[in-house]
């Protein structure tokens, strides 16, 4: 683990498709019902990578694999670095081994895509985002957290309060194994109480900031807050979701 100053500039959207709030709410309703809407608002890259328990169709237990860029960044596990910077007392770069040495959290929860497909009973393991933020120390004036991806295209954001939810983690294991490249490994974000677009893959940077920076999908029409019940306010509407 090394300490350094780092602040990556927000990435410009690529291949954007503006879906808008009305469409999002429609997709959210479909997602809540587990109905397949299709993949027109995403760049669909793979058929499915499954847990071995279900079929290929949305509503089964298999993942559909998406990518903004049409490719998967390949990061060797021993070369992985996560830079935490911005309004923090101790800007730090974590290796995968650093993350694995921290107190871990694990739980089993579903992964729900806003387009309707859902994978139930996914086992997740990693470090609470709140523990990472406590490690580096958050300065006064901070209100949000922004996330960057090794694909140099996707970005995401959470409020500081959302970042401290107990099931928002920096995940290095899922489905009982290390997170694969296709699933966003070796390390990805998992935001359990929100739709999948908030769970950024190939996590490269965490920046603590003084204002919400809408992520890639938000810049293309998705709400900044994508709770699983379809509401879009800053606060979790249903404690049962966490």
Protein backbone atom coordinates (compact mmCIF):
# COMPACT_ATOMS: atom_id res chain seq x y z
CA UNK A 1 0.00 0.00 0.00
CA UNK A 2 1.42 3.37 -0.97
CA UNK A 3 0.35 6.91 -0.17
CA UNK A 4 0.22 9.45 -2.97
CA UNK A 5 -1.72 12.34 -4.43
CA UNK A 6 -3.99 11.46 -7.33
CA UNK A 7 -7.10 12.90 -8.90
CA UNK A 8 -8.27 11.60 -12.26
CA UNK A 9 -10.40 13.87 -14.41
CA UNK A 10 -13.99 12.72 -14.97
CA UNK A 11 -14.31 10.78 -18.20
CA UNK A 12 -16.41 12.00 -21.11
CA UNK A 13 -19.33 9.74 -22.07
CA UNK A 14 -18.86 7.47 -25.04
CA UNK A 15 -21.56 5.88 -27.18
CA UNK A 16 -24.19 7.57 -25.03
CA UNK A 17 -27.86 6.67 -25.23
CA UNK A 18 -30.15 9.09 -23.43
CA UNK A 19 -32.88 7.02 -21.85
CA UNK A 20 -34.46 9.74 -19.73
CA UNK A 21 -36.31 9.60 -16.42
CA UNK A 22 -39.60 8.28 -17.84
CA UNK A 23 -37.91 5.38 -19.56
CA UNK A 24 -35.87 4.65 -16.44
CA UNK A 25 -38.99 4.42 -14.30
CA UNK A 26 -40.52 2.04 -16.83
CA UNK A 27 -37.39 -0.09 -16.79
CA UNK A 28 -37.36 -0.02 -13.00
CA UNK A 29 -40.94 -1.29 -12.90
CA UNK A 30 -39.99 -4.12 -15.24
CA UNK A 31 -36.93 -4.86 -13.15
CA UNK A 32 -39.03 -5.13 -10.01
CA UNK A 33 -41.20 -7.70 -11.79
CA UNK A 34 -38.20 -9.57 -13.20
CA UNK A 35 -39.45 -9.05 -16.77
CA UNK A 36 -36.96 -9.00 -19.64
CA UNK A 37 -36.97 -5.62 -21.37
CA UNK A 38 -34.09 -6.22 -23.73
CA UNK A 39 -30.64 -4.69 -24.16
CA UNK A 40 -31.15 -1.71 -26.45
CA UNK A 41 -29.74 0.79 -23.98
CA UNK A 42 -26.56 -1.20 -23.38
CA UNK A 43 -23.69 -2.48 -25.45
CA UNK A 44 -24.22 -6.23 -25.07
CA UNK A 45 -20.88 -8.00 -25.26
CA UNK A 46 -21.44 -11.55 -24.09
CA UNK A 47 -24.22 -14.09 -24.05
CA UNK A 48 -24.21 -15.01 -20.40
CA UNK A 49 -21.85 -16.01 -17.64
CA UNK A 50 -23.84 -18.02 -15.15
CA UNK A 51 -23.69 -19.55 -11.74
CA UNK A 52 -24.56 -22.90 -13.28
CA UNK A 53 -28.06 -23.01 -11.80
CA UNK A 54 -30.28 -21.45 -14.42
CA UNK A 55 -30.91 -20.62 -18.04
CA UNK A 56 -29.73 -17.96 -20.42
CA UNK A 57 -32.88 -15.84 -20.33
CA UNK A 58 -33.31 -12.75 -18.12
CA UNK A 59 -35.22 -13.76 -15.03
CA UNK A 60 -33.05 -16.85 -14.62
CA UNK A 61 -29.93 -16.84 -12.51
CA UNK A 62 -27.38 -15.90 -15.16
CA UNK A 63 -25.64 -12.64 -15.78
CA UNK A 64 -25.73 -10.73 -19.02
CA UNK A 65 -22.35 -9.11 -19.57
CA UNK A 66 -22.25 -5.49 -20.71
CA UNK A 67 -19.45 -3.10 -21.61
CA UNK A 68 -19.52 0.56 -22.63
CA UNK A 69 -16.40 0.26 -24.76
CA UNK A 70 -17.08 -3.15 -26.32
CA UNK A 71 -14.01 -4.68 -24.66
CA UNK A 72 -12.92 -5.85 -21.22
CA UNK A 73 -9.86 -4.27 -19.59
CA UNK A 74 -7.60 -7.06 -18.42
CA UNK A 75 -5.76 -6.28 -15.18
CA UNK A 76 -3.48 -8.87 -13.64
CA UNK A 77 -4.26 -9.45 -10.00
CA UNK A 78 -0.70 -8.71 -8.88
CA UNK A 79 -0.72 -5.46 -10.90
CA UNK A 80 -4.05 -4.20 -9.62
CA UNK A 81 -4.05 -0.77 -7.96
CA UNK A 82 -6.94 1.20 -6.44
CA UNK A 83 -6.24 4.90 -5.94
CA UNK A 84 -8.24 6.69 -3.26
CA UNK A 85 -7.89 10.45 -3.43
CA UNK A 86 -9.64 13.80 -3.27
CA UNK A 87 -10.86 15.27 0.01
CA UNK A 88 -9.05 12.74 2.19
CA UNK A 89 -6.36 13.04 4.84
CA UNK A 90 -4.22 10.28 3.41
CA UNK A 91 -4.45 9.69 -0.36
CA UNK A 92 -3.59 6.03 -0.73
CA UNK A 93 -3.07 3.41 -3.41
CA UNK A 94 -4.23 -0.06 -2.40
CA UNK A 95 -3.10 -3.33 -3.96
CA UNK A 96 -5.42 -6.31 -4.11
CA UNK A 97 -3.44 -7.85 -1.26
CA UNK A 98 -3.99 -4.68 0.80
CA UNK A 99 -7.74 -4.95 0.30
CA UNK A 100 -7.75 -8.65 1.16
CA UNK A 101 -5.84 -7.95 4.38
CA UNK A 102 -8.53 -5.58 5.65
CA UNK A 103 -11.54 -6.80 7.64
CA UNK A 104 -13.81 -8.44 5.11
CA UNK A 105 -17.55 -8.44 4.79
CA UNK A 106 -19.60 -11.05 2.98
CA UNK A 107 -23.27 -11.60 2.27
CA UNK A 108 -25.61 -13.17 -0.26
CA UNK A 109 -27.84 -10.83 -2.25
CA UNK A 110 -29.36 -10.62 -5.68
CA UNK A 111 -27.99 -8.61 -8.59
CA UNK A 112 -30.79 -6.71 -10.34
CA UNK A 113 -30.37 -5.00 -13.69
CA UNK A 114 -32.66 -2.09 -14.52
CA UNK A 115 -33.47 -3.80 -17.84
CA UNK A 116 -35.27 -6.58 -16.00
CA UNK A 117 -32.99 -9.57 -15.58
CA UNK A 118 -32.02 -10.68 -12.10
CA UNK A 119 -29.53 -13.12 -10.60
CA UNK A 120 -30.62 -14.29 -7.15
CA UNK A 121 -28.48 -15.46 -4.26
CA UNK A 122 -25.11 -14.12 -5.38
CA UNK A 123 -22.43 -14.46 -2.73
CA UNK A 124 -20.32 -11.28 -2.44
CA UNK A 125 -17.14 -10.69 -0.48
CA UNK A 126 -14.93 -7.65 -0.09
CA UNK A 127 -14.28 -4.55 1.98
CA UNK A 128 -16.98 -2.14 3.09
CA UNK A 129 -16.55 1.14 1.24
CA UNK A 130 -17.06 2.88 4.58
CA UNK A 131 -14.03 1.03 6.00
CA UNK A 132 -11.86 2.26 3.12
CA UNK A 133 -13.06 5.81 3.65
CA UNK A 134 -12.34 5.54 7.38
CA UNK A 135 -8.84 4.27 6.57
CA UNK A 136 -7.95 7.31 4.46
CA UNK A 137 -9.90 9.86 6.51
CA UNK A 138 -12.59 12.04 4.96
CA UNK A 139 -12.09 15.79 5.19
CA UNK A 140 -14.78 18.27 6.14
CA UNK A 141 -16.63 19.64 3.15
CA UNK A 142 -16.84 16.25 1.44
CA UNK A 143 -20.35 15.31 0.33
CA UNK A 144 -19.95 12.58 -2.31
CA UNK A 145 -17.75 9.83 -3.70
CA UNK A 146 -16.92 9.36 -7.39
CA UNK A 147 -15.66 6.13 -8.95
CA UNK A 148 -13.50 5.54 -12.02
CA UNK A 149 -13.05 2.39 -14.09
CA UNK A 150 -10.09 0.80 -15.80
CA UNK A 151 -12.14 0.91 -19.00
CA UNK A 152 -11.51 4.70 -19.05
CA UNK A 153 -15.18 5.27 -19.88
CA UNK A 154 -17.51 4.30 -17.06
CA UNK A 155 -17.85 6.44 -13.94
CA UNK A 156 -20.24 6.41 -11.00
CA UNK A 157 -21.10 8.37 -7.88
CA UNK A 158 -22.69 8.01 -4.46
CA UNK A 159 -23.43 10.50 -1.72
CA UNK A 160 -21.24 10.13 1.35
CA UNK A 161 -24.24 8.82 3.25
CA UNK A 162 -24.92 6.19 0.58
CA UNK A 163 -21.24 5.21 0.60
CA UNK A 164 -21.59 4.30 4.28
CA UNK A 165 -24.43 1.82 3.78
CA UNK A 166 -23.37 -1.57 5.14
CA UNK A 167 -23.90 -3.42 1.86
CA UNK A 168 -21.94 -1.08 -0.38
CA UNK A 169 -18.62 -2.83 -0.86
CA UNK A 170 -15.44 -2.94 -2.85
CA UNK A 171 -15.78 -6.54 -3.97
CA UNK A 172 -12.97 -8.92 -4.88
CA UNK A 173 -15.00 -12.14 -4.74
CA UNK A 174 -18.42 -13.14 -6.09
CA UNK A 175 -20.15 -16.42 -6.83
CA UNK A 176 -17.67 -18.09 -4.49
CA UNK A 177 -14.59 -17.17 -6.51
CA UNK A 178 -12.41 -14.18 -7.38
CA UNK A 179 -14.25 -11.62 -9.50
CA UNK A 180 -13.50 -12.47 -13.12
CA UNK A 181 -12.57 -9.98 -15.82
CA UNK A 182 -16.00 -10.34 -17.43
CA UNK A 183 -17.68 -9.51 -14.13
CA UNK A 184 -15.50 -6.44 -13.57
CA UNK A 185 -12.54 -7.95 -11.75
CA UNK A 186 -10.24 -8.20 -10.16
CA UNK A 187 -12.10 -5.58 -8.08
CA UNK A 188 -15.48 -3.97 -8.65
CA UNK A 189 -18.01 -1.87 -6.78
CA UNK A 190 -21.20 -3.53 -5.54
CA UNK A 191 -24.09 -1.32 -4.41
CA UNK A 192 -26.66 -3.83 -3.17
CA UNK A 193 -29.71 -1.56 -2.68
CA UNK A 194 -29.47 0.00 -6.17
CA UNK A 195 -29.78 -1.25 -9.74
CA UNK A 196 -26.74 -2.80 -11.36
CA UNK A 197 -25.58 0.25 -13.32
CA UNK A 198 -24.47 1.76 -9.99
CA UNK A 199 -22.12 -1.20 -9.35
CA UNK A 200 -19.18 -0.03 -11.43
CA UNK A 201 -16.87 -2.69 -12.86
CA UNK A 202 -13.05 -2.70 -13.09
CA UNK A 203 -12.77 -0.21 -10.24
CA UNK A 204 -9.61 1.91 -10.59
CA UNK A 205 -10.22 5.01 -8.51
CA UNK A 206 -12.27 6.39 -5.65
CA UNK A 207 -12.40 10.17 -5.31
CA UNK A 208 -13.98 11.97 -2.37
CA UNK A 209 -15.49 15.20 -3.70
CA UNK A 210 -17.48 18.25 -2.62
CA UNK A 211 -20.35 17.76 -5.09
CA UNK A 212 -22.08 14.88 -6.85
CA UNK A 213 -20.42 14.12 -10.18
CA UNK A 214 -23.01 12.27 -12.31
CA UNK A 215 -21.58 9.06 -13.72
CA UNK A 216 -21.60 7.78 -17.28
CA UNK A 217 -25.16 6.44 -17.21
CA UNK A 218 -26.43 9.49 -15.34
CA UNK A 219 -24.92 11.72 -18.02
CA UNK A 220 -26.90 9.64 -20.50
CA UNK A 221 -30.27 9.97 -18.83
CA UNK A 222 -30.31 7.57 -15.86
CA UNK A 223 -31.13 9.00 -12.40
CA UNK A 224 -28.22 9.60 -10.06
CA UNK A 225 -30.02 7.49 -7.45
CA UNK A 226 -31.28 4.16 -8.79
CA UNK A 227 -32.93 2.43 -5.83
CA UNK A 228 -34.33 -1.04 -6.41
CA UNK A 229 -37.94 0.08 -5.89
CA UNK A 230 -37.59 2.62 -8.70
CA UNK A 231 -37.49 5.74 -6.52
CA UNK A 232 -34.79 8.29 -7.30
CA UNK A 233 -34.36 10.40 -4.17
CA UNK A 234 -31.05 10.57 -2.30
CA UNK A 235 -32.20 8.46 0.67
CA UNK A 236 -32.88 4.75 0.71
CA UNK A 237 -36.71 4.49 0.70
CA UNK A 238 -36.81 1.00 2.16
CA UNK A 239 -34.38 -0.15 4.88
CA UNK A 240 -35.21 -3.70 3.81
CA UNK A 241 -33.25 -3.09 0.62
CA UNK A 242 -30.05 -2.93 2.64
